[in-house]
Amino acid sequence: VSDEVNYTKPDTDLAAGISYFMNLTKTSNSVYNAGYMKYRF
């Protein structure tokens, strides 16, 4: 099974940089964990 979480609001949103907090799945049978972020400057 493949699933994803989309984040639209950053946890830190500054002119100098942006960050997101991501909760990794607790599923013991997970075989793929990846995340990305992007923005314009």
PDB file of all heavy atoms in Angstrom:
ATOM      1  N   VAL A   1       0.845  -1.191   0.000  1.00  0.00           N
ATOM      2  CA  VAL A   1       0.000   0.000   0.000  1.00  0.00           C
ATOM      3  C   VAL A   1       0.882   1.244   0.000  1.00  0.00           C
ATOM      4  O   VAL A   1       1.881   1.306   0.728  1.00  0.00           O
ATOM      5  CB  VAL A   1      -0.927   0.027   1.226  1.00  0.00           C
ATOM      6  CG1 VAL A   1      -1.750   1.316   1.252  1.00  0.00           C
ATOM      7  CG2 VAL A   1      -1.844  -1.195   1.221  1.00  0.00           C
ATOM      8  N   SER A   2       0.534   2.220  -0.813  1.00  0.00           N
ATOM      9  CA  SER A   2       1.254   3.491  -0.875  1.00  0.00           C
ATOM     10  C   SER A   2       0.345   4.607  -0.396  1.00  0.00           C
ATOM     11  O   SER A   2      -0.830   4.670  -0.785  1.00  0.00           O
ATOM     12  CB  SER A   2       1.725   3.772  -2.302  1.00  0.00           C
ATOM     13  OG  SER A   2       2.394   5.013  -2.379  1.00  0.00           O
ATOM     14  N   ASP A   3       0.877   5.475   0.446  1.00  0.00           N
ATOM     15  CA  ASP A   3       0.079   6.585   0.964  1.00  0.00           C
ATOM     16  C   ASP A   3       0.969   7.819   1.107  1.00  0.00           C
ATOM     17  O   ASP A   3       2.204   7.713   1.071  1.00  0.00           O
ATOM     18  CB  ASP A   3      -0.532   6.214   2.311  1.00  0.00           C
ATOM     19  CG  ASP A   3      -1.794   7.031   2.613  1.00  0.00           C
ATOM     20  OD1 ASP A   3      -2.086   7.976   1.851  1.00  0.00           O
ATOM     21  OD2 ASP A   3      -2.459   6.740   3.619  1.00  0.00           O
ATOM     22  N   GLU A   4       0.362   8.977   1.271  1.00  0.00           N
ATOM     23  CA  GLU A   4       1.136  10.207   1.408  1.00  0.00           C
ATOM     24  C   GLU A   4       0.386  11.209   2.270  1.00  0.00           C
ATOM     25  O   GLU A   4      -0.837  11.136   2.427  1.00  0.00           O
ATOM     26  CB  GLU A   4       1.451  10.822   0.052  1.00  0.00           C
ATOM     27  CG  GLU A   4       0.245  11.297  -0.733  1.00  0.00           C
ATOM     28  CD  GLU A   4       0.614  11.842  -2.097  1.00  0.00           C
ATOM     29  OE1 GLU A   4       1.508  11.262  -2.763  1.00  0.00           O
ATOM     30  OE2 GLU A   4       0.005  12.857  -2.507  1.00  0.00           O
ATOM     31  N   VAL A   5       1.153  12.143   2.833  1.00  0.00           N
ATOM     32  CA  VAL A   5       0.610  13.237   3.624  1.00  0.00           C
ATOM     33  C   VAL A   5       1.061  14.532   2.963  1.00  0.00           C
ATOM     34  O   VAL A   5       2.259  14.738   2.749  1.00  0.00           O
ATOM     35  CB  VAL A   5       1.094  13.197   5.089  1.00  0.00           C
ATOM     36  CG1 VAL A   5       0.500  14.352   5.872  1.00  0.00           C
ATOM     37  CG2 VAL A   5       0.734  11.863   5.735  1.00  0.00           C
ATOM     38  N   ASN A   6       0.107  15.396   2.630  1.00  0.00           N
ATOM     39  CA  ASN A   6       0.429  16.673   2.001  1.00  0.00           C
ATOM     40  C   ASN A   6       0.375  17.791   3.038  1.00  0.00           C
ATOM     41  O   ASN A   6      -0.595  17.909   3.779  1.00  0.00           O
ATOM     42  CB  ASN A   6      -0.562  16.970   0.876  1.00  0.00           C
ATOM     43  CG  ASN A   6      -0.393  16.033  -0.297  1.00  0.00           C
ATOM     44  OD1 ASN A   6       0.395  16.281  -1.201  1.00  0.00           O
ATOM     45  ND2 ASN A   6      -1.140  14.935  -0.288  1.00  0.00           N
ATOM     46  N   TYR A   7       1.420  18.608   3.068  1.00  0.00           N
ATOM     47  CA  TYR A   7       1.513  19.715   4.012  1.00  0.00           C
ATOM     48  C   TYR A   7       1.423  21.032   3.229  1.00  0.00           C
ATOM     49  O   TYR A   7       2.182  21.254   2.287  1.00  0.00           O
ATOM     50  CB  TYR A   7       2.824  19.677   4.781  1.00  0.00           C
ATOM     51  CG  TYR A   7       3.058  18.401   5.556  1.00  0.00           C
ATOM     52  CD1 TYR A   7       3.660  17.298   4.949  1.00  0.00           C
ATOM     53  CD2 TYR A   7       2.689  18.289   6.891  1.00  0.00           C
ATOM     54  CE1 TYR A   7       3.884  16.124   5.655  1.00  0.00           C
ATOM     55  CE2 TYR A   7       2.910  17.120   7.606  1.00  0.00           C
ATOM     56  CZ  TYR A   7       3.506  16.045   6.979  1.00  0.00           C
ATOM     57  OH  TYR A   7       3.724  14.877   7.673  1.00  0.00           O
ATOM     58  N   THR A   8       0.497  21.872   3.620  1.00  0.00           N
ATOM     59  CA  THR A   8       0.350  23.165   2.951  1.00  0.00           C
ATOM     60  C   THR A   8       0.818  24.326   3.828  1.00  0.00           C
ATOM     61  O   THR A   8       1.146  25.392   3.312  1.00  0.00           O
ATOM     62  CB  THR A   8      -1.120  23.407   2.555  1.00  0.00           C
ATOM     63  OG1 THR A   8      -1.938  23.296   3.727  1.00  0.00           O
ATOM     64  CG2 THR A   8      -1.576  22.370   1.533  1.00  0.00           C
ATOM     65  N   LYS A   9       0.858  24.102   5.136  1.00  0.00           N
ATOM     66  CA  LYS A   9       1.275  25.159   6.052  1.00  0.00           C
ATOM     67  C   LYS A   9       2.579  24.777   6.728  1.00  0.00           C
ATOM     68  O   LYS A   9       2.646  23.777   7.448  1.00  0.00           O
ATOM     69  CB  LYS A   9       0.198  25.414   7.111  1.00  0.00           C
ATOM     70  CG  LYS A   9       0.539  26.564   8.052  1.00  0.00           C
ATOM     71  CD  LYS A   9      -0.569  26.788   9.063  1.00  0.00           C
ATOM     72  CE  LYS A   9      -0.223  27.933  10.009  1.00  0.00           C
ATOM     73  NZ  LYS A   9      -1.285  28.156  11.014  1.00  0.00           N
ATOM     74  N   PRO A  10       3.654  25.537   6.513  1.00  0.00           N
ATOM     75  CA  PRO A  10       4.935  25.202   7.141  1.00  0.00           C
ATOM     76  C   PRO A  10       4.910  25.445   8.650  1.00  0.00           C
ATOM     77  O   PRO A  10       4.125  26.254   9.146  1.00  0.00           O
ATOM     78  CB  PRO A  10       5.926  26.139   6.447  1.00  0.00           C
ATOM     79  CG  PRO A  10       5.094  27.295   6.000  1.00  0.00           C
ATOM     80  CD  PRO A  10       3.741  26.738   5.663  1.00  0.00           C
ATOM     81  N   ASP A  11       5.780  24.752   9.371  1.00  0.00           N
ATOM     82  CA  ASP A  11       5.883  24.940  10.820  1.00  0.00           C
ATOM     83  C   ASP A  11       6.791  26.113  11.167  1.00  0.00           C
ATOM     84  O   ASP A  11       6.645  26.734  12.212  1.00  0.00           O
ATOM     85  CB  ASP A  11       6.403  23.655  11.471  1.00  0.00           C
ATOM     86  CG  ASP A  11       5.387  22.528  11.360  1.00  0.00           C
ATOM     87  OD1 ASP A  11       4.475  22.476  12.190  1.00  0.00           O
ATOM     88  OD2 ASP A  11       5.506  21.716  10.423  1.00  0.00           O
ATOM     89  N   THR A  12       7.741  26.389  10.297  1.00  0.00           N
ATOM     90  CA  THR A  12       8.570  27.590  10.407  1.00  0.00           C
ATOM     91  C   THR A  12       8.528  28.293   9.068  1.00  0.00           C
ATOM     92  O   THR A  12       8.836  27.685   8.041  1.00  0.00           O
ATOM     93  CB  THR A  12      10.030  27.256  10.761  1.00  0.00           C
ATOM     94  OG1 THR A  12      10.076  26.405  11.902  1.00  0.00           O
ATOM     95  CG2 THR A  12      10.819  28.526  11.046  1.00  0.00           C
ATOM     96  N   ASP A  13       8.123  29.552   9.043  1.00  0.00           N
ATOM     97  CA  ASP A  13       7.939  30.273   7.792  1.00  0.00           C
ATOM     98  C   ASP A  13       8.587  31.647   7.921  1.00  0.00           C
ATOM     99  O   ASP A  13       7.969  32.613   8.371  1.00  0.00           O
ATOM    100  CB  ASP A  13       6.453  30.401   7.480  1.00  0.00           C
ATOM    101  CG  ASP A  13       6.192  30.859   6.052  1.00  0.00           C
ATOM    102  OD1 ASP A  13       7.167  31.132   5.335  1.00  0.00           O
ATOM    103  OD2 ASP A  13       5.014  30.943   5.660  1.00  0.00           O
ATOM    104  N   LEU A  14       9.851  31.727   7.514  1.00  0.00           N
ATOM    105  CA  LEU A  14      10.624  32.957   7.647  1.00  0.00           C
ATOM    106  C   LEU A  14      11.230  33.342   6.305  1.00  0.00           C
ATOM    107  O   LEU A  14      11.336  32.513   5.396  1.00  0.00           O
ATOM    108  CB  LEU A  14      11.741  32.779   8.684  1.00  0.00           C
ATOM    109  CG  LEU A  14      11.312  32.386  10.103  1.00  0.00           C
ATOM    110  CD1 LEU A  14      12.537  32.051  10.941  1.00  0.00           C
ATOM    111  CD2 LEU A  14      10.505  33.504  10.745  1.00  0.00           C
ATOM    112  N   ALA A  15      11.661  34.582   6.191  1.00  0.00           N
ATOM    113  CA  ALA A  15      12.334  35.016   4.974  1.00  0.00           C
ATOM    114  C   ALA A  15      13.631  34.252   4.765  1.00  0.00           C
ATOM    115  O   ALA A  15      14.027  33.960   3.632  1.00  0.00           O
ATOM    116  CB  ALA A  15      12.614  36.517   5.039  1.00  0.00           C
ATOM    117  N   ALA A  16      14.299  33.877   5.877  1.00  0.00           N
ATOM    118  CA  ALA A  16      15.589  33.185   5.800  1.00  0.00           C
ATOM    119  C   ALA A  16      15.457  31.698   5.533  1.00  0.00           C
ATOM    120  O   ALA A  16      16.451  31.035   5.192  1.00  0.00           O
ATOM    121  CB  ALA A  16      16.362  33.402   7.098  1.00  0.00           C
ATOM    122  N   GLY A  17      14.255  31.152   5.696  1.00  0.00           N
ATOM    123  CA  GLY A  17      14.093  29.727   5.466  1.00  0.00           C
ATOM    124  C   GLY A  17      12.751  29.205   5.935  1.00  0.00           C
ATOM    125  O   GLY A  17      11.996  29.893   6.649  1.00  0.00           O
ATOM    126  N   ILE A  18      12.437  27.985   5.536  1.00  0.00           N
ATOM    127  CA  ILE A  18      11.158  27.349   5.832  1.00  0.00           C
ATOM    128  C   ILE A  18      11.401  25.913   6.267  1.00  0.00           C
ATOM    129  O   ILE A  18      12.337  25.256   5.794  1.00  0.00           O
ATOM    130  CB  ILE A  18      10.231  27.395   4.597  1.00  0.00           C
ATOM    131  CG1 ILE A  18       9.847  28.854   4.282  1.00  0.00           C
ATOM    132  CG2 ILE A  18       8.985  26.552   4.786  1.00  0.00           C
ATOM    133  CD1 ILE A  18       9.048  29.018   3.001  1.00  0.00           C
ATOM    134  N   SER A  19      10.560  25.416   7.175  1.00  0.00           N
ATOM    135  CA  SER A  19      10.694  24.027   7.621  1.00  0.00           C
ATOM    136  C   SER A  19       9.323  23.390   7.804  1.00  0.00           C
ATOM    137  O   SER A  19       8.318  24.079   8.025  1.00  0.00           O
ATOM    138  CB  SER A  19      11.483  23.942   8.930  1.00  0.00           C
ATOM    139  OG  SER A  19      10.714  24.426  10.017  1.00  0.00           O
ATOM    140  N   TYR A  20       9.313  22.059   7.721  1.00  0.00           N
ATOM    141  CA  TYR A  20       8.116  21.256   7.956  1.00  0.00           C
ATOM    142  C   TYR A  20       8.458  20.124   8.919  1.00  0.00           C
ATOM    143  O   TYR A  20       9.546  19.540   8.839  1.00  0.00           O
ATOM    144  CB  TYR A  20       7.597  20.652   6.646  1.00  0.00           C
ATOM    145  CG  TYR A  20       6.927  21.630   5.721  1.00  0.00           C
ATOM    146  CD1 TYR A  20       7.673  22.381   4.815  1.00  0.00           C
ATOM    147  CD2 TYR A  20       5.550  21.799   5.733  1.00  0.00           C
ATOM    148  CE1 TYR A  20       7.057  23.276   3.943  1.00  0.00           C
ATOM    149  CE2 TYR A  20       4.927  22.688   4.870  1.00  0.00           C
ATOM    150  CZ  TYR A  20       5.680  23.418   3.981  1.00  0.00           C
ATOM    151  OH  TYR A  20       5.074  24.310   3.122  1.00  0.00           O
ATOM    152  N   PHE A  21       7.512  19.809   9.807  1.00  0.00           N
ATOM    153  CA  PHE A  21       7.650  18.646  10.666  1.00  0.00           C
ATOM    154  C   PHE A  21       6.811  17.521  10.071  1.00  0.00           C
ATOM    155  O   PHE A  21       5.658  17.723   9.671  1.00  0.00           O
ATOM    156  CB  PHE A  21       7.171  18.949  12.086  1.00  0.00           C
ATOM    157  CG  PHE A  21       7.953  20.047  12.757  1.00  0.00           C
ATOM    158  CD1 PHE A  21       7.329  20.949  13.605  1.00  0.00           C
ATOM    159  CD2 PHE A  21       9.318  20.189  12.532  1.00  0.00           C
ATOM    160  CE1 PHE A  21       8.046  21.968  14.223  1.00  0.00           C
ATOM    161  CE2 PHE A  21      10.043  21.207  13.139  1.00  0.00           C
ATOM    162  CZ  PHE A  21       9.410  22.094  13.992  1.00  0.00           C
ATOM    163  N   MET A  22       7.401  16.325  10.023  1.00  0.00           N
ATOM    164  CA  MET A  22       6.733  15.179   9.421  1.00  0.00           C
ATOM    165  C   MET A  22       6.773  14.003  10.384  1.00  0.00           C
ATOM    166  O   MET A  22       7.846  13.618  10.861  1.00  0.00           O
ATOM    167  CB  MET A  22       7.417  14.796   8.104  1.00  0.00           C
ATOM    168  CG  MET A  22       7.430  15.890   7.055  1.00  0.00           C
ATOM    169  SD  MET A  22       8.211  15.366   5.509  1.00  0.00           S
ATOM    170  CE  MET A  22       8.039  16.862   4.517  1.00  0.00           C
ATOM    171  N   ASN A  23       5.614  13.437  10.662  1.00  0.00           N
ATOM    172  CA  ASN A  23       5.518  12.273  11.524  1.00  0.00           C
ATOM    173  C   ASN A  23       5.699  11.007  10.689  1.00  0.00           C
ATOM    174  O   ASN A  23       4.854  10.696   9.846  1.00  0.00           O
ATOM    175  CB  ASN A  23       4.170  12.240  12.238  1.00  0.00           C
ATOM    176  CG  ASN A  23       4.039  13.334  13.281  1.00  0.00           C
ATOM    177  OD1 ASN A  23       4.844  13.431  14.196  1.00  0.00           O
ATOM    178  ND2 ASN A  23       3.026  14.173  13.139  1.00  0.00           N
ATOM    179  N   LEU A  24       6.790  10.295  10.926  1.00  0.00           N
ATOM    180  CA  LEU A  24       7.007   9.051  10.192  1.00  0.00           C
ATOM    181  C   LEU A  24       5.975   8.015  10.614  1.00  0.00           C
ATOM    182  O   LEU A  24       5.576   7.942  11.774  1.00  0.00           O
ATOM    183  CB  LEU A  24       8.417   8.516  10.452  1.00  0.00           C
ATOM    184  CG  LEU A  24       9.590   9.399  10.018  1.00  0.00           C
ATOM    185  CD1 LEU A  24      10.894   8.598  10.069  1.00  0.00           C
ATOM    186  CD2 LEU A  24       9.390   9.976   8.629  1.00  0.00           C
ATOM    187  N   THR A  25       5.557   7.210   9.659  1.00  0.00           N
ATOM    188  CA  THR A  25       4.560   6.196   9.950  1.00  0.00           C
ATOM    189  C   THR A  25       5.075   5.203  10.992  1.00  0.00           C
ATOM    190  O   THR A  25       6.253   4.827  10.987  1.00  0.00           O
ATOM    191  CB  THR A  25       4.157   5.433   8.671  1.00  0.00           C
ATOM    192  OG1 THR A  25       3.223   4.413   9.019  1.00  0.00           O
ATOM    193  CG2 THR A  25       5.361   4.793   8.002  1.00  0.00           C
ATOM    194  N   LYS A  26       4.188   4.784  11.867  1.00  0.00           N
ATOM    195  CA  LYS A  26       4.545   3.809  12.894  1.00  0.00           C
ATOM    196  C   LYS A  26       4.410   2.375  12.386  1.00  0.00           C
ATOM    197  O   LYS A  26       4.725   1.421  13.094  1.00  0.00           O
ATOM    198  CB  LYS A  26       3.639   3.981  14.115  1.00  0.00           C
ATOM    199  CG  LYS A  26       3.660   5.380  14.723  1.00  0.00           C
ATOM    200  CD  LYS A  26       4.975   5.696  15.389  1.00  0.00           C
ATOM    201  CE  LYS A  26       4.925   7.051  16.090  1.00  0.00           C
ATOM    202  NZ  LYS A  26       6.205   7.407  16.723  1.00  0.00           N
ATOM    203  N   THR A  27       3.948   2.228  11.145  1.00  0.00           N
ATOM    204  CA  THR A  27       3.725   0.904  10.585  1.00  0.00           C
ATOM    205  C   THR A  27       5.030   0.119  10.538  1.00  0.00           C
ATOM    206  O   THR A  27       6.007   0.547   9.923  1.00  0.00           O
ATOM    207  CB  THR A  27       3.145   1.005   9.166  1.00  0.00           C
ATOM    208  OG1 THR A  27       1.977   1.828   9.202  1.00  0.00           O
ATOM    209  CG2 THR A  27       2.786  -0.360   8.620  1.00  0.00           C
ATOM    210  N   SER A  28       5.040  -1.034  11.198  1.00  0.00           N
ATOM    211  CA  SER A  28       6.271  -1.818  11.286  1.00  0.00           C
ATOM    212  C   SER A  28       6.670  -2.434   9.954  1.00  0.00           C
ATOM    213  O   SER A  28       7.845  -2.744   9.733  1.00  0.00           O
ATOM    214  CB  SER A  28       6.109  -2.930  12.331  1.00  0.00           C
ATOM    215  OG  SER A  28       5.024  -3.783  11.980  1.00  0.00           O
ATOM    216  N   ASN A  29       5.694  -2.609   9.048  1.00  0.00           N
ATOM    217  CA  ASN A  29       5.980  -3.234   7.760  1.00  0.00           C
ATOM    218  C   ASN A  29       6.268  -2.214   6.662  1.00  0.00           C
ATOM    219  O   ASN A  29       6.155  -2.534   5.489  1.00  0.00           O
ATOM    220  CB  ASN A  29       4.804  -4.123   7.333  1.00  0.00           C
ATOM    221  CG  ASN A  29       4.623  -5.319   8.245  1.00  0.00           C
ATOM    222  OD1 ASN A  29       5.587  -5.840   8.796  1.00  0.00           O
ATOM    223  ND2 ASN A  29       3.382  -5.758   8.408  1.00  0.00           N
ATOM    224  N   SER A  30       6.612  -0.981   7.033  1.00  0.00           N
ATOM    225  CA  SER A  30       6.901   0.038   6.021  1.00  0.00           C
ATOM    226  C   SER A  30       8.207  -0.284   5.308  1.00  0.00           C
ATOM    227  O   SER A  30       9.187  -0.710   5.918  1.00  0.00           O
ATOM    228  CB  SER A  30       6.973   1.425   6.655  1.00  0.00           C
ATOM    229  OG  SER A  30       8.069   1.523   7.535  1.00  0.00           O
ATOM    230  N   VAL A  31       8.211  -0.087   4.009  1.00  0.00           N
ATOM    231  CA  VAL A  31       9.386  -0.390   3.193  1.00  0.00           C
ATOM    232  C   VAL A  31       9.882   0.833   2.438  1.00  0.00           C
ATOM    233  O   VAL A  31      10.871   0.759   1.717  1.00  0.00           O
ATOM    234  CB  VAL A  31       9.079  -1.520   2.186  1.00  0.00           C
ATOM    235  CG1 VAL A  31       8.815  -2.830   2.919  1.00  0.00           C
ATOM    236  CG2 VAL A  31       7.885  -1.156   1.297  1.00  0.00           C
ATOM    237  N   TYR A  32       9.191   1.968   2.612  1.00  0.00           N
ATOM    238  CA  TYR A  32       9.587   3.183   1.896  1.00  0.00           C
ATOM    239  C   TYR A  32       9.172   4.382   2.717  1.00  0.00           C
ATOM    240  O   TYR A  32       8.015   4.512   3.127  1.00  0.00           O
ATOM    241  CB  TYR A  32       8.905   3.217   0.519  1.00  0.00           C
ATOM    242  CG  TYR A  32       9.340   4.350  -0.381  1.00  0.00           C
ATOM    243  CD1 TYR A  32      10.501   4.249  -1.139  1.00  0.00           C
ATOM    244  CD2 TYR A  32       8.586   5.517  -0.491  1.00  0.00           C
ATOM    245  CE1 TYR A  32      10.903   5.277  -1.982  1.00  0.00           C
ATOM    246  CE2 TYR A  32       8.971   6.550  -1.324  1.00  0.00           C
ATOM    247  CZ  TYR A  32      10.130   6.423  -2.074  1.00  0.00           C
ATOM    248  OH  TYR A  32      10.528   7.453  -2.903  1.00  0.00           O
ATOM    249  N   ASN A  33      10.138   5.262   3.003  1.00  0.00           N
ATOM    250  CA  ASN A  33       9.882   6.493   3.750  1.00  0.00           C
ATOM    251  C   ASN A  33      10.664   7.624   3.096  1.00  0.00           C
ATOM    252  O   ASN A  33      11.897   7.594   3.067  1.00  0.00           O
ATOM    253  CB  ASN A  33      10.317   6.342   5.209  1.00  0.00           C
ATOM    254  CG  ASN A  33       9.406   5.449   6.012  1.00  0.00           C
ATOM    255  OD1 ASN A  33       8.426   5.890   6.593  1.00  0.00           O
ATOM    256  ND2 ASN A  33       9.731   4.152   6.046  1.00  0.00           N
ATOM    257  N   ALA A  34       9.949   8.610   2.571  1.00  0.00           N
ATOM    258  CA  ALA A  34      10.604   9.732   1.898  1.00  0.00           C
ATOM    259  C   ALA A  34       9.727  10.970   2.009  1.00  0.00           C
ATOM    260  O   ALA A  34       8.512  10.879   2.148  1.00  0.00           O
ATOM    261  CB  ALA A  34      10.874   9.406   0.425  1.00  0.00           C
ATOM    262  N   GLY A  35      10.353  12.134   1.944  1.00  0.00           N
ATOM    263  CA  GLY A  35       9.609  13.380   1.999  1.00  0.00           C
ATOM    264  C   GLY A  35      10.351  14.486   1.280  1.00  0.00           C
ATOM    265  O   GLY A  35      11.585  14.468   1.201  1.00  0.00           O
ATOM    266  N   TYR A  36       9.611  15.433   0.742  1.00  0.00           N
ATOM    267  CA  TYR A  36      10.259  16.564   0.081  1.00  0.00           C
ATOM    268  C   TYR A  36       9.518  17.851   0.410  1.00  0.00           C
ATOM    269  O   TYR A  36       8.352  17.848   0.814  1.00  0.00           O
ATOM    270  CB  TYR A  36      10.329  16.360  -1.432  1.00  0.00           C
ATOM    271  CG  TYR A  36       9.016  16.468  -2.176  1.00  0.00           C
ATOM    272  CD1 TYR A  36       8.531  17.701  -2.633  1.00  0.00           C
ATOM    273  CD2 TYR A  36       8.254  15.333  -2.456  1.00  0.00           C
ATOM    274  CE1 TYR A  36       7.333  17.800  -3.328  1.00  0.00           C
ATOM    275  CE2 TYR A  36       7.059  15.422  -3.152  1.00  0.00           C
ATOM    276  CZ  TYR A  36       6.601  16.649  -3.588  1.00  0.00           C
ATOM    277  OH  TYR A  36       5.409  16.749  -4.277  1.00  0.00           O
ATOM    278  N   MET A  37      10.210  18.966   0.238  1.00  0.00           N
ATOM    279  CA  MET A  37       9.632  20.290   0.382  1.00  0.00           C
ATOM    280  C   MET A  37      10.220  21.199  -0.678  1.00  0.00           C
ATOM    281  O   MET A  37      11.303  20.943  -1.214  1.00  0.00           O
ATOM    282  CB  MET A  37       9.902  20.872   1.777  1.00  0.00           C
ATOM    283  CG  MET A  37      11.370  21.101   2.097  1.00  0.00           C
ATOM    284  SD  MET A  37      11.631  22.049   3.618  1.00  0.00           S
ATOM    285  CE  MET A  37      11.026  23.677   3.110  1.00  0.00           C
ATOM    286  N   LYS A  38       9.493  22.272  -0.986  1.00  0.00           N
ATOM    287  CA  LYS A  38       9.970  23.213  -1.995  1.00  0.00           C
ATOM    288  C   LYS A  38       9.336  24.579  -1.762  1.00  0.00           C
ATOM    289  O   LYS A  38       8.289  24.689  -1.124  1.00  0.00           O
ATOM    290  CB  LYS A  38       9.625  22.720  -3.404  1.00  0.00           C
ATOM    291  CG  LYS A  38       8.132  22.655  -3.693  1.00  0.00           C
ATOM    292  CD  LYS A  38       7.884  22.167  -5.095  1.00  0.00           C
ATOM    293  CE  LYS A  38       6.403  22.203  -5.446  1.00  0.00           C
ATOM    294  NZ  LYS A  38       5.845  23.577  -5.481  1.00  0.00           N
ATOM    295  N   TYR A  39       9.994  25.615  -2.268  1.00  0.00           N
ATOM    296  CA  TYR A  39       9.404  26.950  -2.267  1.00  0.00           C
ATOM    297  C   TYR A  39      10.168  27.850  -3.226  1.00  0.00           C
ATOM    298  O   TYR A  39      11.244  27.491  -3.728  1.00  0.00           O
ATOM    299  CB  TYR A  39       9.363  27.549  -0.857  1.00  0.00           C
ATOM    300  CG  TYR A  39      10.686  27.801  -0.162  1.00  0.00           C
ATOM    301  CD1 TYR A  39      11.406  28.973  -0.353  1.00  0.00           C
ATOM    302  CD2 TYR A  39      11.199  26.867   0.750  1.00  0.00           C
ATOM    303  CE1 TYR A  39      12.598  29.220   0.310  1.00  0.00           C
ATOM    304  CE2 TYR A  39      12.384  27.094   1.421  1.00  0.00           C
ATOM    305  CZ  TYR A  39      13.087  28.278   1.200  1.00  0.00           C
ATOM    306  OH  TYR A  39      14.278  28.505   1.869  1.00  0.00           O
ATOM    307  N   ARG A  40       9.600  29.007  -3.487  1.00  0.00           N
ATOM    308  CA  ARG A  40      10.227  30.004  -4.364  1.00  0.00           C
ATOM    309  C   ARG A  40      10.937  31.062  -3.516  1.00  0.00           C
ATOM    310  O   ARG A  40      10.571  31.296  -2.362  1.00  0.00           O
ATOM    311  CB  ARG A  40       9.183  30.679  -5.246  1.00  0.00           C
ATOM    312  CG  ARG A  40       8.526  29.759  -6.269  1.00  0.00           C
ATOM    313  CD  ARG A  40       9.519  29.263  -7.297  1.00  0.00           C
ATOM    314  NE  ARG A  40       8.882  28.498  -8.358  1.00  0.00           N
ATOM    315  CZ  ARG A  40       8.562  29.004  -9.544  1.00  0.00           C
ATOM    316  NH1 ARG A  40       8.801  30.291  -9.811  1.00  0.00           N
ATOM    317  NH2 ARG A  40       8.004  28.246 -10.470  1.00  0.00           N
ATOM    318  N   PHE A  41      11.924  31.715  -4.112  1.00  0.00           N
ATOM    319  CA  PHE A  41      12.645  32.779  -3.419  1.00  0.00           C
ATOM    320  C   PHE A  41      12.946  33.910  -4.387  1.00  0.00           C
ATOM    321  O   PHE A  41      12.837  33.766  -5.615  1.00  0.00           O
ATOM    322  CB  PHE A  41      13.938  32.249  -2.798  1.00  0.00           C
ATOM    323  CG  PHE A  41      15.005  31.875  -3.802  1.00  0.00           C
ATOM    324  CD1 PHE A  41      15.928  32.808  -4.258  1.00  0.00           C
ATOM    325  CD2 PHE A  41      15.075  30.577  -4.301  1.00  0.00           C
ATOM    326  CE1 PHE A  41      16.916  32.468  -5.174  1.00  0.00           C
ATOM    327  CE2 PHE A  41      16.050  30.220  -5.221  1.00  0.00           C
ATOM    328  CZ  PHE A  41      16.969  31.160  -5.665  1.00  0.00           C
TER     329      PHE A  41
END
